[in-house]
Structure formats: C-alpha cells, structure tokens
Amino acid sequence: MIATWQEFWNKKHRIYVSPRHMDVYYKVLSRGTLEMLPAHRPLVLLDWGCGDALASPTLRNQDIEVLLYDPTPYVQERISARFSNEQNIRVLTAKDFTSQAMESVDIILIFSVLQYISADKFQEILPQLQAILVPNGVLLLGDIVPKGLSMFADVIDLLKAGFRHGFFFDAITGIVATLFSDYRSVRNTNGFTTYSEEEIIDILHGNGFVAERMPKNIGLSGHRMFIKAIKKC
C-alpha cells in the first residue's frame, strides 16, 4: 500500500492519460519556460524535481546547458538512462546537487513539484538554491496549487487541455482510472501542499528573493500559480 507522495513517485505510475498528453505537457512546458528566460545566451538551467524531463532537448537546442535533478531514486535511474549520451544535458546525483558550485546556475525551474513536498522541505532547500544562483539569477516556480483549489478544478483543466490538444477521450478514461488509483488514494490521505500568493512570496522574500506572481501559469493547469523570483544582489 502506497502511503506517501515519495512512495508514489518512486514507482511506475500513470499520471499522464496517454502518450499524447505527455507529449503536449512537455511541449507546453518547454515553450512557456523559454518565454520566461532572459534573451542572452548561453545559460545554465537547473530543473529541480525534473520528473521525465522531456522538455530538456528543446531547452538544450536553445543554447542552454540543462542540469537535471530529481530526489526520487526511480526517476533518477530513468532519466540517467535516457540522457546518458545527450550533450549539454547532465543528470545530477544527490551528491552532485549538494556540491554544486556557488553562483554557477542562471535559472532554476521547479515545476509541478511544490504540491508534493512539505512547506518545511521547500524552505530547507531554498538557501541552497539561492546560493547556487548567480546574482540576479531567476527561480521559476510553476503549477503551485493555491489554497482552496478543489480536485474538480484539476479535472476541468485536464478536460479542457484534452479537448484543445486532441486527447479528450483519453482524458475522460484517465479521470475514471484515477478514481481507483494510488494517486487518488495518496491525495485523499496526504493532500497537496498549498500556498496563498502572499505566503509563497513572503517565503521567497525571507530567503533572498524578490518575487512576483505571473499573470498565468505556463502549464496545462490554468487555475494554478506561477511565481518568478529574482535573487537579490
């Protein structure tokens, strides 16, 4: 029986309702991320909690060195196998991440991760993230679940995305499957870590960032928040 989010992500799952859903998800993520980045190149980008990291080749092709880190062993193994021979995409171990040089990263992306880790864990890693960013480096936090957002809003967003991108019937099937899945069980037991806009910005301000909420989330979930934070010099 899976009891925690860490256990859920450390095994094979069906978070995407179809290959088309997965493909669209990462295409939208890569496009939205590029729109948030400064124009100058080259850049070094760390994707923290990267998951399958399928946006990485698109980012790499824009003269961006991509560093991938995920604390889940199962994900680490999968992305290490996938990107072992890819130029300018490097998978970091836990040791690599903790020893990353100060002021060596221009951008840190954390997308659809904060809901699965505690607020205490987030605040625990923030000082290191701040330390490895260059002066005026950018921290991008996407898919943040606002306080009070219901599971129904996520269902509506998935159906809208399915209709718009050609996986509507797969989305319906996936929603039904979720009712009997480990994902629903763990979400019912543990819930999501949620933030108000004021809370997340205050946390970032207290850890050496100037932060603001962007007008829209760059992913497929329009009800969720996107925060852009700049490291204070």
C-alpha atoms as a PDB file:
ATOM      1  CA  MET A   1       0.000   0.000   0.000  1.00  0.00           C
ATOM      2  CA  ILE A   2       1.430   3.346  -1.071  1.00  0.00           C
ATOM      3  CA  ALA A   3       1.097   5.893   1.742  1.00  0.00           C
ATOM      4  CA  THR A   4       3.173   8.933   0.730  1.00  0.00           C
ATOM      5  CA  TRP A   5       3.916  11.023  -2.331  1.00  0.00           C
ATOM      6  CA  GLN A   6       7.565   9.938  -2.159  1.00  0.00           C
ATOM      7  CA  GLU A   7       6.473   6.309  -2.425  1.00  0.00           C
ATOM      8  CA  PHE A   8       4.087   7.131  -5.280  1.00  0.00           C
ATOM      9  CA  TRP A   9       6.762   8.800  -7.427  1.00  0.00           C
ATOM     10  CA  ASN A  10       9.291   6.079  -6.643  1.00  0.00           C
ATOM     11  CA  LYS A  11       7.455   3.564  -8.834  1.00  0.00           C
ATOM     12  CA  LYS A  12       5.850   3.345 -12.246  1.00  0.00           C
ATOM     13  CA  HIS A  13       2.684   5.440 -12.483  1.00  0.00           C
ATOM     14  CA  ARG A  14       0.032   6.594 -14.946  1.00  0.00           C
ATOM     15  CA  ILE A  15      -0.026  10.316 -14.212  1.00  0.00           C
ATOM     16  CA  TYR A  16      -0.386  11.014 -17.942  1.00  0.00           C
ATOM     17  CA  VAL A  17      -3.582   9.740 -19.526  1.00  0.00           C
ATOM     18  CA  SER A  18      -1.894   8.970 -22.874  1.00  0.00           C
ATOM     19  CA  PRO A  19       1.387   9.461 -24.783  1.00  0.00           C
ATOM     20  CA  ARG A  20      -0.259  12.449 -26.475  1.00  0.00           C
ATOM     21  CA  HIS A  21      -0.954  14.021 -23.073  1.00  0.00           C
ATOM     22  CA  MET A  22       2.663  13.554 -22.032  1.00  0.00           C
ATOM     23  CA  ASP A  23       3.972  14.985 -25.302  1.00  0.00           C
ATOM     24  CA  VAL A  24       1.715  18.049 -25.083  1.00  0.00           C
ATOM     25  CA  TYR A  25       2.548  18.599 -21.415  1.00  0.00           C
ATOM     26  CA  TYR A  26       6.281  18.869 -22.093  1.00  0.00           C
ATOM     27  CA  LYS A  27       5.906  20.888 -25.287  1.00  0.00           C
ATOM     28  CA  VAL A  28       3.807  23.457 -23.427  1.00  0.00           C
ATOM     29  CA  LEU A  29       6.278  23.436 -20.538  1.00  0.00           C
ATOM     30  CA  SER A  30       9.314  23.963 -22.786  1.00  0.00           C
ATOM     31  CA  ARG A  31       7.629  26.756 -24.737  1.00  0.00           C
ATOM     32  CA  GLY A  32       6.436  28.512 -21.595  1.00  0.00           C
ATOM     33  CA  THR A  33       9.826  28.188 -19.911  1.00  0.00           C
ATOM     34  CA  LEU A  34      11.629  29.693 -22.896  1.00  0.00           C
ATOM     35  CA  GLU A  35       9.259  32.668 -22.809  1.00  0.00           C
ATOM     36  CA  MET A  36      10.287  33.313 -19.193  1.00  0.00           C
ATOM     37  CA  LEU A  37      14.035  33.218 -19.800  1.00  0.00           C
ATOM     38  CA  PRO A  38      16.327  36.173 -20.472  1.00  0.00           C
ATOM     39  CA  ALA A  39      17.298  36.651 -24.108  1.00  0.00           C
ATOM     40  CA  HIS A  40      21.060  36.365 -23.640  1.00  0.00           C
ATOM     41  CA  ARG A  41      22.778  33.022 -24.153  1.00  0.00           C
ATOM     42  CA  PRO A  42      24.377  30.739 -23.129  1.00  0.00           C
ATOM     43  CA  LEU A  43      22.521  29.922 -19.912  1.00  0.00           C
ATOM     44  CA  VAL A  44      22.740  27.188 -17.300  1.00  0.00           C
ATOM     45  CA  LEU A  45      19.333  25.927 -16.139  1.00  0.00           C
ATOM     46  CA  LEU A  46      18.694  23.533 -13.267  1.00  0.00           C
ATOM     47  CA  ASP A  47      15.400  21.627 -13.413  1.00  0.00           C
ATOM     48  CA  TRP A  48      14.824  20.613  -9.769  1.00  0.00           C
ATOM     49  CA  GLY A  49      12.352  17.753  -9.321  1.00  0.00           C
ATOM     50  CA  CYS A  50      12.523  17.284 -13.078  1.00  0.00           C
ATOM     51  CA  GLY A  51      10.455  14.108 -13.496  1.00  0.00           C
ATOM     52  CA  ASP A  52      10.697  12.720 -17.026  1.00  0.00           C
ATOM     53  CA  ALA A  53      12.402  15.954 -18.175  1.00  0.00           C
ATOM     54  CA  LEU A  54      11.231  15.660 -21.775  1.00  0.00           C
ATOM     55  CA  ALA A  55      11.500  19.433 -22.251  1.00  0.00           C
ATOM     56  CA  SER A  56      15.283  19.205 -21.843  1.00  0.00           C
ATOM     57  CA  PRO A  57      16.258  18.625 -25.519  1.00  0.00           C
ATOM     58  CA  THR A  58      14.208  21.660 -26.606  1.00  0.00           C
ATOM     59  CA  LEU A  59      15.904  23.838 -23.995  1.00  0.00           C
ATOM     60  CA  ARG A  60      19.343  22.422 -24.862  1.00  0.00           C
ATOM     61  CA  ASN A  61      18.793  23.335 -28.508  1.00  0.00           C
ATOM     62  CA  GLN A  62      18.392  26.980 -27.440  1.00  0.00           C
ATOM     63  CA  ASP A  63      21.988  27.176 -26.179  1.00  0.00           C
ATOM     64  CA  ILE A  64      21.019  26.258 -22.632  1.00  0.00           C
ATOM     65  CA  GLU A  65      23.004  23.780 -20.561  1.00  0.00           C
ATOM     66  CA  VAL A  66      20.413  21.728 -18.686  1.00  0.00           C
ATOM     67  CA  LEU A  67      21.102  20.216 -15.274  1.00  0.00           C
ATOM     68  CA  LEU A  68      18.517  17.685 -14.097  1.00  0.00           C
ATOM     69  CA  TYR A  69      17.925  16.703 -10.509  1.00  0.00           C
ATOM     70  CA  ASP A  70      15.170  14.587  -9.005  1.00  0.00           C
ATOM     71  CA  PRO A  71      15.431  13.246  -5.453  1.00  0.00           C
ATOM     72  CA  THR A  72      13.412  10.114  -6.289  1.00  0.00           C
ATOM     73  CA  PRO A  73      15.659   7.073  -6.996  1.00  0.00           C
ATOM     74  CA  TYR A  74      13.289   5.565  -9.593  1.00  0.00           C
ATOM     75  CA  VAL A  75      13.200   8.838 -11.534  1.00  0.00           C
ATOM     76  CA  GLN A  76      16.977   9.250 -11.206  1.00  0.00           C
ATOM     77  CA  GLU A  77      17.544   5.852 -12.807  1.00  0.00           C
ATOM     78  CA  ARG A  78      15.117   6.537 -15.648  1.00  0.00           C
ATOM     79  CA  ILE A  79      16.456   9.944 -16.634  1.00  0.00           C
ATOM     80  CA  SER A  80      20.065   8.813 -16.248  1.00  0.00           C
ATOM     81  CA  ALA A  81      19.396   6.083 -18.812  1.00  0.00           C
ATOM     82  CA  ARG A  82      17.504   8.460 -21.105  1.00  0.00           C
ATOM     83  CA  PHE A  83      20.053  11.284 -21.174  1.00  0.00           C
ATOM     84  CA  SER A  84      23.360   9.499 -20.580  1.00  0.00           C
ATOM     85  CA  ASN A  85      24.641  10.298 -24.088  1.00  0.00           C
ATOM     86  CA  GLU A  86      22.996  13.695 -24.554  1.00  0.00           C
ATOM     87  CA  GLN A  87      25.292  16.674 -24.967  1.00  0.00           C
ATOM     88  CA  ASN A  88      24.617  19.635 -22.649  1.00  0.00           C
ATOM     89  CA  ILE A  89      22.107  17.674 -20.560  1.00  0.00           C
ATOM     90  CA  ARG A  90      23.533  16.407 -17.283  1.00  0.00           C
ATOM     91  CA  VAL A  91      21.751  14.360 -14.635  1.00  0.00           C
ATOM     92  CA  LEU A  92      22.857  15.260 -11.108  1.00  0.00           C
ATOM     93  CA  THR A  93      23.070  12.793  -8.265  1.00  0.00           C
ATOM     94  CA  ALA A  94      22.177  13.915  -4.737  1.00  0.00           C
ATOM     95  CA  LYS A  95      25.907  14.391  -4.103  1.00  0.00           C
ATOM     96  CA  ASP A  96      26.272  16.438  -7.304  1.00  0.00           C
ATOM     97  CA  PHE A  97      23.407  18.681  -6.272  1.00  0.00           C
ATOM     98  CA  THR A  98      24.664  19.325  -2.756  1.00  0.00           C
ATOM     99  CA  SER A  99      28.159  20.107  -4.084  1.00  0.00           C
ATOM    100  CA  GLN A 100      27.029  22.325  -6.975  1.00  0.00           C
ATOM    101  CA  ALA A 101      29.290  25.371  -7.124  1.00  0.00           C
ATOM    102  CA  MET A 102      28.105  28.676  -5.698  1.00  0.00           C
ATOM    103  CA  GLU A 103      26.741  31.136  -8.271  1.00  0.00           C
ATOM    104  CA  SER A 104      27.005  28.602 -11.101  1.00  0.00           C
ATOM    105  CA  VAL A 105      23.378  28.458 -12.310  1.00  0.00           C
ATOM    106  CA  ASP A 106      21.430  31.173 -14.142  1.00  0.00           C
ATOM    107  CA  ILE A 107      17.925  29.690 -13.901  1.00  0.00           C
ATOM    108  CA  ILE A 108      16.250  27.207 -11.574  1.00  0.00           C
ATOM    109  CA  LEU A 109      12.948  25.692 -12.672  1.00  0.00           C
ATOM    110  CA  ILE A 110      10.690  23.902 -10.172  1.00  0.00           C
ATOM    111  CA  PHE A 111       7.508  22.899 -11.951  1.00  0.00           C
ATOM    112  CA  SER A 112       4.608  20.891 -10.516  1.00  0.00           C
ATOM    113  CA  VAL A 113       6.693  19.860  -7.510  1.00  0.00           C
ATOM    114  CA  LEU A 114       5.779  22.035  -4.519  1.00  0.00           C
ATOM    115  CA  GLN A 115       2.406  20.345  -4.000  1.00  0.00           C
ATOM    116  CA  TYR A 116       4.210  17.057  -3.349  1.00  0.00           C
ATOM    117  CA  ILE A 117       6.721  18.269  -0.750  1.00  0.00           C
ATOM    118  CA  SER A 118       6.094  19.914   2.599  1.00  0.00           C
ATOM    119  CA  ALA A 119       6.488  23.633   3.136  1.00  0.00           C
ATOM    120  CA  ASP A 120       9.282  22.814   5.614  1.00  0.00           C
ATOM    121  CA  LYS A 121      11.138  20.816   2.936  1.00  0.00           C
ATOM    122  CA  PHE A 122      10.789  23.678   0.470  1.00  0.00           C
ATOM    123  CA  GLN A 123      12.230  26.135   2.971  1.00  0.00           C
ATOM    124  CA  GLU A 124      15.020  23.668   3.745  1.00  0.00           C
ATOM    125  CA  ILE A 125      16.252  23.608   0.137  1.00  0.00           C
ATOM    126  CA  LEU A 126      15.710  27.304  -0.627  1.00  0.00           C
ATOM    127  CA  PRO A 127      19.014  28.540   0.874  1.00  0.00           C
ATOM    128  CA  GLN A 128      20.997  26.160  -1.326  1.00  0.00           C
ATOM    129  CA  LEU A 129      19.007  27.112  -4.403  1.00  0.00           C
ATOM    130  CA  GLN A 130      19.639  30.763  -3.641  1.00  0.00           C
ATOM    131  CA  ALA A 131      23.354  30.108  -3.119  1.00  0.00           C
ATOM    132  CA  ILE A 132      23.937  28.352  -6.461  1.00  0.00           C
ATOM    133  CA  LEU A 133      22.138  31.053  -8.458  1.00  0.00           C
ATOM    134  CA  VAL A 134      24.201  33.824  -9.996  1.00  0.00           C
ATOM    135  CA  PRO A 135      23.444  37.390  -8.864  1.00  0.00           C
ATOM    136  CA  ASN A 136      20.074  38.358 -10.374  1.00  0.00           C
ATOM    137  CA  GLY A 137      19.531  34.673 -11.206  1.00  0.00           C
ATOM    138  CA  VAL A 138      15.953  33.549 -11.716  1.00  0.00           C
ATOM    139  CA  LEU A 139      13.899  30.988  -9.789  1.00  0.00           C
ATOM    140  CA  LEU A 140      10.773  29.868 -11.666  1.00  0.00           C
ATOM    141  CA  LEU A 141       8.074  28.132  -9.616  1.00  0.00           C
ATOM    142  CA  GLY A 142       5.186  26.752 -11.645  1.00  0.00           C
ATOM    143  CA  ASP A 143       1.994  24.785 -11.113  1.00  0.00           C
ATOM    144  CA  ILE A 144       1.718  25.936  -7.481  1.00  0.00           C
ATOM    145  CA  VAL A 145      -1.613  24.827  -6.035  1.00  0.00           C
ATOM    146  CA  PRO A 146      -3.474  27.749  -4.429  1.00  0.00           C
ATOM    147  CA  LYS A 147      -5.219  27.304  -1.111  1.00  0.00           C
ATOM    148  CA  GLY A 148      -8.815  26.198  -1.522  1.00  0.00           C
ATOM    149  CA  LEU A 149      -8.410  24.793  -5.035  1.00  0.00           C
ATOM    150  CA  SER A 150     -10.547  21.685  -5.407  1.00  0.00           C
ATOM    151  CA  MET A 151      -9.743  18.485  -7.273  1.00  0.00           C
ATOM    152  CA  PHE A 152     -12.660  19.393  -9.549  1.00  0.00           C
ATOM    153  CA  ALA A 153     -10.682  22.361 -10.928  1.00  0.00           C
ATOM    154  CA  ASP A 154      -7.864  19.991 -11.926  1.00  0.00           C
ATOM    155  CA  VAL A 155     -10.388  17.718 -13.654  1.00  0.00           C
ATOM    156  CA  ILE A 156     -11.805  20.647 -15.649  1.00  0.00           C
ATOM    157  CA  ASP A 157      -8.309  21.781 -16.663  1.00  0.00           C
ATOM    158  CA  LEU A 158      -7.464  18.262 -17.870  1.00  0.00           C
ATOM    159  CA  LEU A 159     -10.668  18.034 -19.926  1.00  0.00           C
ATOM    160  CA  LYS A 160     -10.061  21.469 -21.451  1.00  0.00           C
ATOM    161  CA  ALA A 161      -6.490  20.534 -22.347  1.00  0.00           C
ATOM    162  CA  GLY A 162      -7.664  17.232 -23.810  1.00  0.00           C
ATOM    163  CA  PHE A 163     -10.255  18.960 -25.974  1.00  0.00           C
ATOM    164  CA  ARG A 164      -7.763  21.607 -27.130  1.00  0.00           C
ATOM    165  CA  HIS A 165      -4.882  19.223 -27.834  1.00  0.00           C
ATOM    166  CA  GLY A 166      -6.560  16.093 -29.083  1.00  0.00           C
ATOM    167  CA  PHE A 167      -6.681  13.690 -26.132  1.00  0.00           C
ATOM    168  CA  PHE A 168     -10.183  14.427 -24.787  1.00  0.00           C
ATOM    169  CA  PHE A 169     -11.459  10.848 -24.713  1.00  0.00           C
ATOM    170  CA  ASP A 170      -8.195   9.650 -23.165  1.00  0.00           C
ATOM    171  CA  ALA A 171      -8.677  12.350 -20.519  1.00  0.00           C
ATOM    172  CA  ILE A 172     -12.129  11.000 -19.666  1.00  0.00           C
ATOM    173  CA  THR A 173     -10.751   7.454 -19.430  1.00  0.00           C
ATOM    174  CA  GLY A 174      -7.846   8.690 -17.322  1.00  0.00           C
ATOM    175  CA  ILE A 175     -10.137  10.517 -14.903  1.00  0.00           C
ATOM    176  CA  VAL A 176     -12.165   7.366 -14.360  1.00  0.00           C
ATOM    177  CA  ALA A 177      -8.980   5.334 -13.832  1.00  0.00           C
ATOM    178  CA  THR A 178      -7.754   7.899 -11.295  1.00  0.00           C
ATOM    179  CA  LEU A 179     -10.802   7.191  -9.107  1.00  0.00           C
ATOM    180  CA  PHE A 180      -9.354   3.735  -8.426  1.00  0.00           C
ATOM    181  CA  SER A 181      -5.657   4.649  -8.473  1.00  0.00           C
ATOM    182  CA  ASP A 182      -2.859   5.069  -5.954  1.00  0.00           C
ATOM    183  CA  TYR A 183      -2.767   8.760  -6.924  1.00  0.00           C
ATOM    184  CA  ARG A 184      -6.278   9.385  -5.629  1.00  0.00           C
ATOM    185  CA  SER A 185      -5.601   7.334  -2.511  1.00  0.00           C
ATOM    186  CA  VAL A 186      -2.437   9.252  -1.654  1.00  0.00           C
ATOM    187  CA  ARG A 187      -4.061  12.594  -2.452  1.00  0.00           C
ATOM    188  CA  ASN A 188      -7.015  11.780  -0.207  1.00  0.00           C
ATOM    189  CA  THR A 189      -4.648  10.755   2.595  1.00  0.00           C
ATOM    190  CA  ASN A 190      -1.945  13.411   2.295  1.00  0.00           C
ATOM    191  CA  GLY A 191      -3.497  16.131   0.199  1.00  0.00           C
ATOM    192  CA  PHE A 192      -1.396  18.725  -1.571  1.00  0.00           C
ATOM    193  CA  THR A 193       0.864  21.338  -0.028  1.00  0.00           C
ATOM    194  CA  THR A 194      -0.877  24.575  -0.959  1.00  0.00           C
ATOM    195  CA  TYR A 195       0.038  28.246  -0.704  1.00  0.00           C
ATOM    196  CA  SER A 196      -1.663  31.581  -0.948  1.00  0.00           C
ATOM    197  CA  GLU A 197       0.079  34.094  -3.201  1.00  0.00           C
ATOM    198  CA  GLU A 198       1.095  36.090  -0.124  1.00  0.00           C
ATOM    199  CA  GLU A 199       2.550  33.045   1.649  1.00  0.00           C
ATOM    200  CA  ILE A 200       4.778  31.891  -1.191  1.00  0.00           C
ATOM    201  CA  ILE A 201       6.035  35.413  -1.896  1.00  0.00           C
ATOM    202  CA  ASP A 202       6.779  36.026   1.794  1.00  0.00           C
ATOM    203  CA  ILE A 203       8.755  32.755   1.966  1.00  0.00           C
ATOM    204  CA  LEU A 204      10.797  33.784  -1.061  1.00  0.00           C
ATOM    205  CA  HIS A 205      11.392  37.304   0.260  1.00  0.00           C
ATOM    206  CA  GLY A 206      12.659  35.786   3.513  1.00  0.00           C
ATOM    207  CA  ASN A 207      15.164  33.680   1.592  1.00  0.00           C
ATOM    208  CA  GLY A 208      16.845  36.343  -0.514  1.00  0.00           C
ATOM    209  CA  PHE A 209      14.487  36.751  -3.472  1.00  0.00           C
ATOM    210  CA  VAL A 210      12.308  39.450  -4.959  1.00  0.00           C
ATOM    211  CA  ALA A 211       9.224  37.626  -6.201  1.00  0.00           C
ATOM    212  CA  GLU A 212       6.001  38.249  -8.069  1.00  0.00           C
ATOM    213  CA  ARG A 213       3.134  36.200  -9.408  1.00  0.00           C
ATOM    214  CA  MET A 214       2.943  35.993 -13.186  1.00  0.00           C
ATOM    215  CA  PRO A 215      -0.394  36.604 -14.962  1.00  0.00           C
ATOM    216  CA  LYS A 216      -0.766  32.934 -15.888  1.00  0.00           C
ATOM    217  CA  ASN A 217       0.670  29.500 -15.220  1.00  0.00           C
ATOM    218  CA  ILE A 218       2.762  28.183 -18.134  1.00  0.00           C
ATOM    219  CA  GLY A 219       1.421  24.628 -17.891  1.00  0.00           C
ATOM    220  CA  LEU A 220      -1.885  22.962 -18.718  1.00  0.00           C
ATOM    221  CA  SER A 221      -3.459  23.829 -15.344  1.00  0.00           C
ATOM    222  CA  GLY A 222      -4.755  27.373 -15.647  1.00  0.00           C
ATOM    223  CA  HIS A 223      -6.057  27.522 -12.069  1.00  0.00           C
ATOM    224  CA  ARG A 224      -2.580  27.134 -10.597  1.00  0.00           C
ATOM    225  CA  MET A 225       0.021  29.834  -9.856  1.00  0.00           C
ATOM    226  CA  PHE A 226       3.345  30.711 -11.455  1.00  0.00           C
ATOM    227  CA  ILE A 227       5.892  32.713  -9.473  1.00  0.00           C
ATOM    228  CA  LYS A 228       9.024  34.365 -10.851  1.00  0.00           C
ATOM    229  CA  ALA A 229      11.679  35.214  -8.261  1.00  0.00           C
ATOM    230  CA  ILE A 230      14.948  37.118  -8.752  1.00  0.00           C
ATOM    231  CA  LYS A 231      17.915  36.577  -6.442  1.00  0.00           C
ATOM    232  CA  LYS A 232      18.726  39.719  -4.525  1.00  0.00           C
ATOM    233  CA  CYS A 233      22.242  41.009  -5.108  1.00  0.00           C
END
